[in-house]
Amino acid sequence: MLTLAAFVFVIGVLITIHEAGHFAMARLLGAPVEVFSIGFGKRLWGFERGGTDYRISLVPLGGYVRIIGLGPDESDIVGDGADEIELLPRWKRTLILLAGPLTNIVAAVGFVALAFIIGVEVQAYLDDPPVVGWVEPGSGADLAGIREGDLVRAVQGEPSDRWRDLEIALLTAGGGEVLLEVERDGSVSEVPVTLGVDYLYGFGVSGIKPFLDSVVQPRAGGPAAGAGIRAGDRIVAVNGKPVAQYYELPLLIEPHPGIEIRLDVIRDHDRLSFDLTTMNEAGAGKIGVVPLFPTVVEKLGILPAIRAGFIECQRMTIQTFQVIGRLLTGKASIRQVSGPVGIAQISGEAARSGIEALIMLMGIISLQLGIFNLLPIPILDGGHLTVIAVESIIGRDLPLKVKERILEVGFYLLILLMVVVLFNDIVRYLPESVRQFIFRG
């Protein structure tokens, strides 16, 4: 219920902000507004005020504001129809169409800034220089000769000053070869690394990880929790073999499925030993623990928070267009795109993490919503703006019927995209064996 409530709240607020941008600009320019709708299709509930019908509609895939003189809109695709009316001047239509996405972008800066004012908890290593702490054996990085202690300075010529920069660059690169600029013992060299591909999300997999202490959080009902291991315990040995960091645990535990092992842990400066029997998961031993990443709270004053919000949104905008470019060129997988189910899950997790996490998520989604709506796709604001640009070039407005057909094409493309991302979301909830069969054949 919390997940559903968080999803409805996040999407409802962001759609309302978007449509309010269109509405406010239309009113400012003196254009009459017939309908302010959250959702498309049949009117479920609403009220009229000042000549505008404020409504909630049946199809929860967005919303629209029907503005006299703007031309056909999303409502015409789902049955209301458009009338032949005199259109507003192109400059007014342009400002009204731009207002929605730009309001989302401005709101994104505000949400991110507010999260920083409240205080954002982040994993501490993300802002550290990307010094390699672990290389997965057999990975692309391992085969390329990357070693612990190397400093990764750039990916494909783009600087990676922090771990967060490096992780995003590698994850969104998809599969194939990338060129890393690596510093080792004071000398810099370019190292080609062939990335693997995560079959579930289509993310690039390099095998490069930061140092991670073997401090664990046991999962309820797992062997570790049943044996008495607690959150914050640091595992220092498995069957007498020393453990220097978390990534060594699977190498020492997975070869022993369904077998009793001994763990030595440090708790409050005391060394304790625990005997437990591992779970057998597809032939691999598991003890039911996850790592505990050290975190820091970033809390800023109002002006520094606004500046941080602007910088973060600028960074995310650049990364978004980089991902879009990789999607269009086939260098990234469409599996990286989440739909309503994925957004709902993330919203629920953010709500459980705290109000600051939920506000930060709203900022991220608001920014993506603003950027997505500016793309030159029919039915989106960017598609309408593209039509206006064409009309400006040819010196006349396109016939209404032509615009309606363009909207229909965009609507069906949007539905197709929705089917794809829903498929992505649903598959992630299927059993591991089924997911591997779908994506790996």
Protein backbone atom coordinates (compact mmCIF):
# COMPACT_ATOMS: atom_id res chain seq x y z
CA MET A 1 0.00 0.00 0.00
CA LEU A 2 2.87 2.38 0.76
CA THR A 3 4.40 1.66 -2.65
CA LEU A 4 1.08 2.36 -4.40
CA ALA A 5 0.46 5.51 -2.36
CA ALA A 6 3.99 6.80 -3.03
CA PHE A 7 3.64 6.13 -6.76
CA VAL A 8 0.27 7.90 -7.01
CA PHE A 9 1.62 10.84 -5.02
CA VAL A 10 4.84 11.24 -7.05
CA ILE A 11 3.23 10.87 -10.48
CA GLY A 12 0.19 12.94 -9.54
CA VAL A 13 2.26 15.85 -8.25
CA LEU A 14 4.66 15.87 -11.21
CA ILE A 15 1.92 15.67 -13.84
CA THR A 16 0.03 18.45 -12.08
CA ILE A 17 3.17 20.61 -12.06
CA HIS A 18 3.67 19.97 -15.79
CA GLU A 19 0.11 20.81 -16.77
CA ALA A 20 0.07 23.81 -14.41
CA GLY A 21 2.97 25.23 -16.41
CA HIS A 22 0.93 25.07 -19.62
CA PHE A 23 -2.13 26.43 -17.81
CA ALA A 24 -0.34 29.39 -16.20
CA MET A 25 1.32 30.45 -19.46
CA ALA A 26 -1.98 30.19 -21.35
CA ARG A 27 -3.72 32.37 -18.78
CA LEU A 28 -0.81 34.83 -18.83
CA LEU A 29 -1.13 35.16 -22.62
CA GLY A 30 -4.92 35.49 -22.46
CA ALA A 31 -5.72 32.11 -24.06
CA PRO A 32 -8.95 30.49 -22.77
CA VAL A 33 -8.50 27.09 -21.09
CA GLU A 34 -11.38 24.63 -21.50
CA VAL A 35 -9.99 21.59 -19.65
CA PHE A 36 -7.28 20.88 -17.09
CA SER A 37 -7.05 17.08 -16.95
CA ILE A 38 -4.92 14.64 -14.98
CA GLY A 39 -5.11 11.54 -17.18
CA PHE A 40 -6.69 11.01 -20.61
CA GLY A 41 -10.05 9.78 -21.82
CA LYS A 42 -13.34 9.61 -19.94
CA ARG A 43 -13.91 12.17 -17.19
CA LEU A 44 -14.14 10.41 -13.82
CA TRP A 45 -14.41 13.36 -11.46
CA GLY A 46 -13.96 17.12 -11.48
CA PHE A 47 -15.42 20.58 -11.12
CA GLU A 48 -15.74 23.74 -13.19
CA ARG A 49 -14.38 27.13 -12.22
CA GLY A 50 -13.63 30.25 -14.23
CA GLY A 51 -14.63 28.58 -17.50
CA THR A 52 -12.22 25.65 -16.97
CA ASP A 53 -13.22 22.04 -16.30
CA TYR A 54 -10.72 20.62 -13.81
CA ARG A 55 -10.93 16.84 -14.06
CA ILE A 56 -9.38 13.46 -13.32
CA SER A 57 -9.68 11.16 -16.33
CA LEU A 58 -9.64 7.42 -16.91
CA VAL A 59 -6.27 6.70 -18.58
CA PRO A 60 -3.44 7.49 -16.11
CA LEU A 61 -0.69 7.96 -18.72
CA GLY A 62 -0.17 11.69 -18.22
CA GLY A 63 -2.50 14.63 -18.59
CA TYR A 64 -3.40 17.58 -20.79
CA VAL A 65 -4.64 21.13 -20.81
CA ARG A 66 -7.08 21.91 -23.62
CA ILE A 67 -6.35 25.50 -24.66
CA ILE A 68 -8.46 27.30 -27.22
CA GLY A 69 -6.31 28.13 -30.23
CA LEU A 70 -3.44 25.76 -29.42
CA GLY A 71 -4.59 23.16 -31.92
CA PRO A 72 -5.41 19.45 -31.47
CA ASP A 73 -4.12 17.87 -28.26
CA GLU A 74 -3.96 14.49 -26.54
CA SER A 75 -7.68 14.51 -25.80
CA ASP A 76 -8.46 14.29 -29.53
CA ILE A 77 -6.79 10.87 -29.70
CA VAL A 78 -9.12 9.37 -27.10
CA GLY A 79 -12.44 10.51 -28.43
CA ASP A 80 -13.24 14.18 -27.72
CA GLY A 81 -12.37 15.42 -31.22
CA ALA A 82 -11.02 18.80 -32.29
CA ASP A 83 -12.86 21.72 -33.81
CA GLU A 84 -11.71 23.97 -36.62
CA ILE A 85 -10.88 27.15 -34.69
CA GLU A 86 -8.59 30.09 -35.21
CA LEU A 87 -5.13 29.24 -33.90
CA LEU A 88 -3.08 31.40 -31.57
CA PRO A 89 0.00 33.10 -33.05
CA ARG A 90 2.90 30.68 -33.29
CA TRP A 91 4.96 32.53 -30.70
CA LYS A 92 2.16 32.15 -28.15
CA ARG A 93 1.76 28.46 -28.93
CA THR A 94 5.51 28.01 -28.57
CA LEU A 95 5.61 29.67 -25.14
CA ILE A 96 2.62 27.65 -23.90
CA LEU A 97 4.13 24.37 -25.08
CA LEU A 98 7.54 25.16 -23.58
CA ALA A 99 6.04 26.15 -20.23
CA GLY A 100 5.12 22.60 -19.16
CA PRO A 101 8.53 20.93 -19.58
CA LEU A 102 10.40 23.99 -18.30
CA THR A 103 8.20 24.06 -15.19
CA ASN A 104 9.17 20.43 -14.55
CA ILE A 105 12.84 21.29 -14.95
CA VAL A 106 12.61 24.27 -12.59
CA ALA A 107 10.67 22.12 -10.11
CA ALA A 108 13.40 19.47 -10.34
CA VAL A 109 16.01 21.98 -9.20
CA GLY A 110 13.68 22.97 -6.37
CA PHE A 111 13.04 19.39 -5.25
CA VAL A 112 16.75 18.49 -5.30
CA ALA A 113 17.61 21.68 -3.41
CA LEU A 114 14.93 20.93 -0.79
CA ALA A 115 16.33 17.43 -0.34
CA PHE A 116 19.78 18.90 0.31
CA ILE A 117 18.29 21.37 2.81
CA ILE A 118 16.67 18.48 4.73
CA GLY A 119 19.78 16.35 4.38
CA VAL A 120 20.56 13.64 1.81
CA GLU A 121 22.15 10.37 2.91
CA VAL A 122 24.54 9.05 0.26
CA GLN A 123 27.08 6.27 0.12
CA ALA A 124 30.36 7.82 1.22
CA TYR A 125 32.54 6.37 -1.55
CA LEU A 126 30.55 8.02 -4.37
CA ASP A 127 32.33 11.35 -3.98
CA ASP A 128 35.78 9.78 -3.57
CA PRO A 129 38.32 9.55 -6.43
CA PRO A 130 37.67 6.32 -8.41
CA VAL A 131 40.57 4.25 -7.06
CA VAL A 132 39.97 0.59 -7.90
CA GLY A 133 39.40 -1.43 -4.74
CA TRP A 134 38.43 -4.75 -6.33
CA VAL A 135 38.50 -6.33 -9.77
CA GLU A 136 36.09 -9.20 -10.39
CA PRO A 137 38.09 -12.28 -11.47
CA GLY A 138 37.53 -13.09 -15.15
CA SER A 139 35.81 -9.76 -15.88
CA GLY A 140 36.67 -7.45 -18.75
CA ALA A 141 38.69 -5.23 -16.42
CA ASP A 142 40.62 -8.23 -15.07
CA LEU A 143 41.44 -9.48 -18.58
CA ALA A 144 42.53 -5.95 -19.57
CA GLY A 145 45.01 -5.80 -16.69
CA ILE A 146 43.21 -3.34 -14.39
CA ARG A 147 44.46 -3.83 -10.84
CA GLU A 148 43.58 -2.76 -7.31
CA GLY A 149 45.00 0.69 -6.60
CA ASP A 150 44.61 1.94 -10.20
CA LEU A 151 42.98 5.36 -10.56
CA VAL A 152 40.49 5.55 -13.44
CA ARG A 153 40.73 9.13 -14.68
CA ALA A 154 38.46 9.01 -17.73
CA VAL A 155 36.05 6.83 -19.71
CA GLN A 156 36.03 7.32 -23.49
CA GLY A 157 37.82 10.66 -22.97
CA GLU A 158 35.22 11.92 -20.46
CA PRO A 159 36.74 12.73 -17.04
CA SER A 160 35.66 10.55 -14.10
CA ASP A 161 36.60 12.64 -11.09
CA ARG A 162 34.40 10.70 -8.65
CA TRP A 163 33.17 7.15 -8.25
CA ARG A 164 29.64 8.24 -9.18
CA ASP A 165 30.96 9.54 -12.53
CA LEU A 166 32.79 6.30 -13.26
CA GLU A 167 29.88 4.06 -12.31
CA ILE A 168 27.36 5.95 -14.44
CA ALA A 169 29.72 6.07 -17.43
CA LEU A 170 30.34 2.32 -17.31
CA LEU A 171 26.75 1.29 -16.54
CA THR A 172 25.26 3.32 -19.38
CA ALA A 173 27.94 2.31 -21.90
CA GLY A 174 26.24 -1.02 -22.56
CA GLY A 175 28.42 -3.80 -23.95
CA GLY A 176 31.46 -3.55 -26.17
CA GLU A 177 34.85 -1.96 -25.79
CA VAL A 178 35.48 1.25 -23.87
CA LEU A 179 38.76 3.11 -23.46
CA LEU A 180 39.78 3.87 -19.88
CA GLU A 181 42.47 6.35 -18.93
CA VAL A 182 44.24 4.72 -15.98
CA GLU A 183 46.90 6.09 -13.66
CA ARG A 184 49.22 3.61 -11.95
CA ASP A 185 52.32 4.50 -9.95
CA GLY A 186 52.35 8.02 -11.39
CA SER A 187 52.14 6.99 -15.04
CA VAL A 188 49.01 7.28 -17.20
CA SER A 189 47.98 4.86 -19.94
CA GLU A 190 44.91 4.13 -22.04
CA VAL A 191 43.45 0.68 -21.45
CA PRO A 192 40.74 -0.86 -23.69
CA VAL A 193 38.23 -2.83 -21.62
CA THR A 194 35.54 -5.06 -23.09
CA LEU A 195 32.39 -4.70 -21.01
CA GLY A 196 30.00 -7.50 -20.32
CA VAL A 197 26.25 -6.80 -20.34
CA ASP A 198 23.89 -7.31 -17.43
CA TYR A 199 21.21 -9.52 -19.00
CA LEU A 200 18.41 -8.05 -16.86
CA TYR A 201 18.92 -4.30 -17.31
CA GLY A 202 21.36 -4.18 -20.22
CA PHE A 203 23.90 -2.27 -18.11
CA GLY A 204 27.59 -2.39 -18.88
CA VAL A 205 29.54 -4.68 -16.52
CA SER A 206 33.24 -3.92 -16.08
CA GLY A 207 34.18 -5.81 -12.92
CA ILE A 208 35.62 -2.62 -11.38
CA LYS A 209 34.45 -1.91 -7.82
CA PRO A 210 35.44 0.35 -4.93
CA PHE A 211 36.93 -1.06 -1.75
CA LEU A 212 34.13 -2.38 0.45
CA ASP A 213 34.71 -3.55 3.99
CA SER A 214 33.16 -6.91 4.90
CA VAL A 215 30.61 -5.33 7.26
CA VAL A 216 27.26 -7.03 6.66
CA GLN A 217 23.52 -6.76 7.20
CA PRO A 218 21.87 -10.21 7.61
CA ARG A 219 18.57 -10.84 5.85
CA ALA A 220 15.67 -11.95 8.01
CA GLY A 221 15.25 -15.72 7.90
CA GLY A 222 18.66 -16.34 6.35
CA PRO A 223 21.38 -18.64 7.74
CA ALA A 224 23.49 -15.72 8.99
CA ALA A 225 20.60 -14.19 10.93
CA GLY A 226 19.66 -17.61 12.33
CA ALA A 227 23.22 -18.16 13.54
CA GLY A 228 23.20 -14.87 15.46
CA ILE A 229 25.13 -12.57 13.13
CA ARG A 230 23.99 -8.95 13.54
CA ALA A 231 23.97 -5.83 11.41
CA GLY A 232 27.37 -4.16 11.65
CA ASP A 233 29.34 -7.36 12.21
CA ARG A 234 32.52 -7.53 10.12
CA ILE A 235 33.31 -10.98 8.74
CA VAL A 236 37.08 -11.49 8.93
CA ALA A 237 37.41 -15.21 8.11
CA VAL A 238 35.51 -18.07 6.43
CA ASN A 239 36.61 -21.55 7.52
CA GLY A 240 39.81 -19.97 8.78
CA LYS A 241 40.62 -18.20 5.50
CA PRO A 242 41.03 -14.43 6.03
CA VAL A 243 38.61 -11.95 4.44
CA ALA A 244 39.99 -8.52 3.54
CA GLN A 245 36.81 -7.10 1.98
CA TYR A 246 33.21 -7.97 1.15
CA TYR A 247 33.79 -9.11 -2.43
CA GLU A 248 35.89 -12.04 -1.19
CA LEU A 249 32.92 -13.55 0.67
CA PRO A 250 31.18 -15.09 -2.39
CA LEU A 251 34.48 -16.64 -3.52
CA LEU A 252 34.83 -18.38 -0.15
CA ILE A 253 31.17 -19.24 0.52
CA GLU A 254 29.59 -20.13 -2.85
CA PRO A 255 31.71 -23.29 -3.36
CA HIS A 256 30.01 -24.77 -0.22
CA PRO A 257 26.27 -25.12 -0.95
CA GLY A 258 24.27 -26.74 1.84
CA ILE A 259 27.40 -27.31 3.91
CA GLU A 260 28.26 -26.16 7.43
CA ILE A 261 30.90 -23.42 7.52
CA ARG A 262 32.48 -21.31 10.24
CA LEU A 263 32.51 -17.52 10.17
CA ASP A 264 34.76 -15.36 12.32
CA VAL A 265 33.44 -11.84 12.91
CA ILE A 266 34.49 -8.69 14.73
CA ARG A 267 31.77 -7.15 16.90
CA ASP A 268 32.54 -4.20 19.17
CA HIS A 269 36.27 -5.11 19.09
CA ASP A 270 35.51 -8.72 20.11
CA ARG A 271 36.24 -11.68 17.83
CA LEU A 272 33.38 -14.19 17.68
CA SER A 273 32.87 -17.45 15.77
CA PHE A 274 29.61 -18.79 14.30
CA ASP A 275 28.82 -22.13 12.71
CA LEU A 276 26.04 -22.19 10.13
CA THR A 277 24.79 -24.22 7.17
CA THR A 278 24.65 -22.37 3.87
CA MET A 279 21.62 -22.29 1.57
CA ASN A 280 21.92 -24.06 -1.77
CA GLU A 281 20.83 -21.63 -4.50
CA ALA A 282 21.33 -23.11 -7.97
CA GLY A 283 24.43 -24.92 -6.77
CA ALA A 284 25.95 -21.92 -4.95
CA GLY A 285 26.26 -21.50 -1.20
CA LYS A 286 24.53 -18.45 0.28
CA ILE A 287 24.32 -17.17 3.85
CA GLY A 288 21.81 -14.33 3.40
CA VAL A 289 23.82 -11.15 3.94
CA VAL A 290 24.19 -7.85 2.09
CA PRO A 291 26.95 -5.27 2.50
CA LEU A 292 26.57 -2.20 4.68
CA PHE A 293 27.94 0.78 2.76
CA PRO A 294 29.27 3.64 4.91
CA THR A 295 27.09 6.71 4.36
CA VAL A 296 27.35 10.45 4.91
CA VAL A 297 24.59 13.05 5.22
CA GLU A 298 24.92 16.05 2.89
CA LYS A 299 23.00 18.94 4.47
CA LEU A 300 23.25 22.46 3.02
CA GLY A 301 21.93 25.95 3.60
CA ILE A 302 19.36 27.48 1.26
CA LEU A 303 21.67 29.17 -1.25
CA PRO A 304 24.27 26.35 -1.38
CA ALA A 305 21.37 23.87 -1.74
CA ILE A 306 19.94 25.76 -4.71
CA ARG A 307 23.38 25.79 -6.31
CA ALA A 308 23.79 22.06 -5.62
CA GLY A 309 20.32 21.41 -7.06
CA PHE A 310 21.23 23.26 -10.24
CA ILE A 311 24.56 21.43 -10.58
CA GLU A 312 22.97 18.02 -9.98
CA CYS A 313 20.21 18.67 -12.51
CA GLN A 314 22.77 19.89 -15.04
CA ARG A 315 24.81 16.71 -14.51
CA MET A 316 21.74 14.48 -14.81
CA THR A 317 20.60 16.30 -17.96
CA ILE A 318 23.95 15.68 -19.67
CA GLN A 319 23.87 12.02 -18.64
CA THR A 320 20.27 11.65 -19.83
CA PHE A 321 21.11 12.89 -23.32
CA GLN A 322 24.16 10.64 -23.37
CA VAL A 323 21.94 7.65 -22.59
CA ILE A 324 19.38 8.74 -25.21
CA GLY A 325 22.19 8.96 -27.75
CA ARG A 326 23.40 5.46 -26.86
CA LEU A 327 19.85 4.11 -27.10
CA LEU A 328 19.39 5.64 -30.56
CA THR A 329 22.71 4.26 -31.79
CA GLY A 330 22.13 0.82 -30.30
CA LYS A 331 25.03 1.15 -27.86
CA ALA A 332 22.66 0.92 -24.87
CA SER A 333 19.75 -1.42 -24.26
CA ILE A 334 16.09 -0.44 -24.00
CA ARG A 335 16.08 -2.70 -20.92
CA GLN A 336 17.63 0.24 -19.04
CA VAL A 337 14.29 2.08 -19.27
CA SER A 338 11.79 1.57 -16.44
CA GLY A 339 8.03 1.98 -16.63
CA PRO A 340 5.23 2.52 -14.12
CA VAL A 341 5.94 -0.65 -12.14
CA GLY A 342 9.62 0.22 -11.80
CA ILE A 343 8.83 3.80 -10.84
CA ALA A 344 6.28 2.54 -8.29
CA GLN A 345 8.86 0.23 -6.73
CA ILE A 346 11.48 2.97 -6.55
CA SER A 347 8.89 5.39 -5.12
CA GLY A 348 7.97 2.91 -2.40
CA GLU A 349 11.60 2.31 -1.48
CA ALA A 350 12.24 6.07 -1.37
CA ALA A 351 9.19 6.61 0.84
CA ARG A 352 10.43 3.94 3.25
CA SER A 353 13.89 5.53 3.28
CA GLY A 354 12.56 8.93 4.37
CA ILE A 355 11.03 12.15 3.13
CA GLU A 356 14.35 13.46 1.79
CA ALA A 357 14.80 10.37 -0.41
CA LEU A 358 11.25 10.73 -1.76
CA ILE A 359 11.79 14.44 -2.51
CA MET A 360 15.09 13.68 -4.27
CA LEU A 361 13.33 11.02 -6.35
CA MET A 362 10.64 13.53 -7.31
CA GLY A 363 13.36 15.89 -8.47
CA ILE A 364 14.97 13.19 -10.62
CA ILE A 365 11.68 12.09 -12.20
CA SER A 366 10.53 15.69 -12.71
CA LEU A 367 13.73 16.41 -14.62
CA GLN A 368 13.31 13.29 -16.78
CA LEU A 369 9.68 14.22 -17.43
CA GLY A 370 10.69 17.69 -18.58
CA ILE A 371 13.46 16.38 -20.85
CA PHE A 372 11.31 13.58 -22.29
CA ASN A 373 8.51 16.01 -23.16
CA LEU A 374 10.92 18.21 -25.12
CA LEU A 375 11.90 15.36 -27.45
CA PRO A 376 10.55 15.76 -31.02
CA ILE A 377 8.06 12.91 -30.65
CA PRO A 378 4.48 13.38 -31.93
CA ILE A 379 1.92 13.90 -29.10
CA LEU A 380 4.63 15.21 -26.74
CA ASP A 381 5.29 18.94 -26.35
CA GLY A 382 8.48 18.55 -28.37
CA GLY A 383 6.47 17.05 -31.21
CA HIS A 384 4.08 20.01 -31.23
CA LEU A 385 7.05 22.39 -31.18
CA THR A 386 8.56 20.54 -34.14
CA VAL A 387 5.32 21.03 -36.07
CA ILE A 388 5.35 24.75 -35.26
CA ALA A 389 8.97 24.94 -36.45
CA VAL A 390 7.97 23.30 -39.75
CA GLU A 391 5.04 25.71 -40.10
CA SER A 392 7.35 28.65 -39.49
CA ILE A 393 9.70 27.43 -42.21
CA ILE A 394 6.96 26.91 -44.83
CA GLY A 395 5.13 30.08 -43.78
CA ARG A 396 1.70 28.55 -43.16
CA ASP A 397 -0.11 26.26 -40.72
CA LEU A 398 -0.53 22.60 -41.57
CA PRO A 399 -4.13 21.38 -42.06
CA LEU A 400 -5.88 20.26 -38.87
CA LYS A 401 -6.39 16.74 -40.24
CA VAL A 402 -2.66 16.38 -40.84
CA LYS A 403 -1.93 17.41 -37.26
CA GLU A 404 -4.50 14.91 -35.98
CA ARG A 405 -2.84 12.08 -37.94
CA ILE A 406 0.56 13.10 -36.53
CA LEU A 407 -0.94 12.94 -33.03
CA GLU A 408 -2.33 9.48 -33.71
CA VAL A 409 1.08 8.21 -34.83
CA GLY A 410 2.65 9.64 -31.67
CA PHE A 411 -0.06 8.10 -29.50
CA TYR A 412 0.54 4.61 -30.88
CA LEU A 413 4.31 5.05 -30.56
CA LEU A 414 3.79 6.04 -26.92
CA ILE A 415 1.62 2.98 -26.32
CA LEU A 416 4.31 0.79 -27.92
CA LEU A 417 6.95 2.30 -25.66
CA MET A 418 4.68 1.72 -22.66
CA VAL A 419 4.31 -1.96 -23.60
CA VAL A 420 8.10 -2.33 -23.84
CA VAL A 421 8.83 -0.71 -20.47
CA LEU A 422 6.00 -2.63 -18.79
CA PHE A 423 7.55 -5.81 -20.18
CA ASN A 424 10.89 -4.74 -18.69
CA ASP A 425 9.25 -4.09 -15.32
CA ILE A 426 7.31 -7.36 -15.19
CA VAL A 427 10.22 -9.55 -16.27
CA ARG A 428 12.28 -8.24 -13.35
CA TYR A 429 9.82 -9.90 -10.98
CA LEU A 430 10.02 -13.31 -12.66
CA PRO A 431 12.18 -16.15 -11.25
CA GLU A 432 15.87 -15.94 -12.06
CA SER A 433 15.81 -18.97 -14.36
CA VAL A 434 12.92 -17.53 -16.40
CA ARG A 435 14.64 -14.13 -16.74
CA GLN A 436 17.83 -15.74 -17.96
CA PHE A 437 15.88 -17.80 -20.52
CA ILE A 438 14.09 -14.67 -21.85
CA PHE A 439 17.16 -12.45 -22.16
CA ARG A 440 19.82 -15.03 -22.95
CA GLY A 441 17.69 -17.47 -24.95
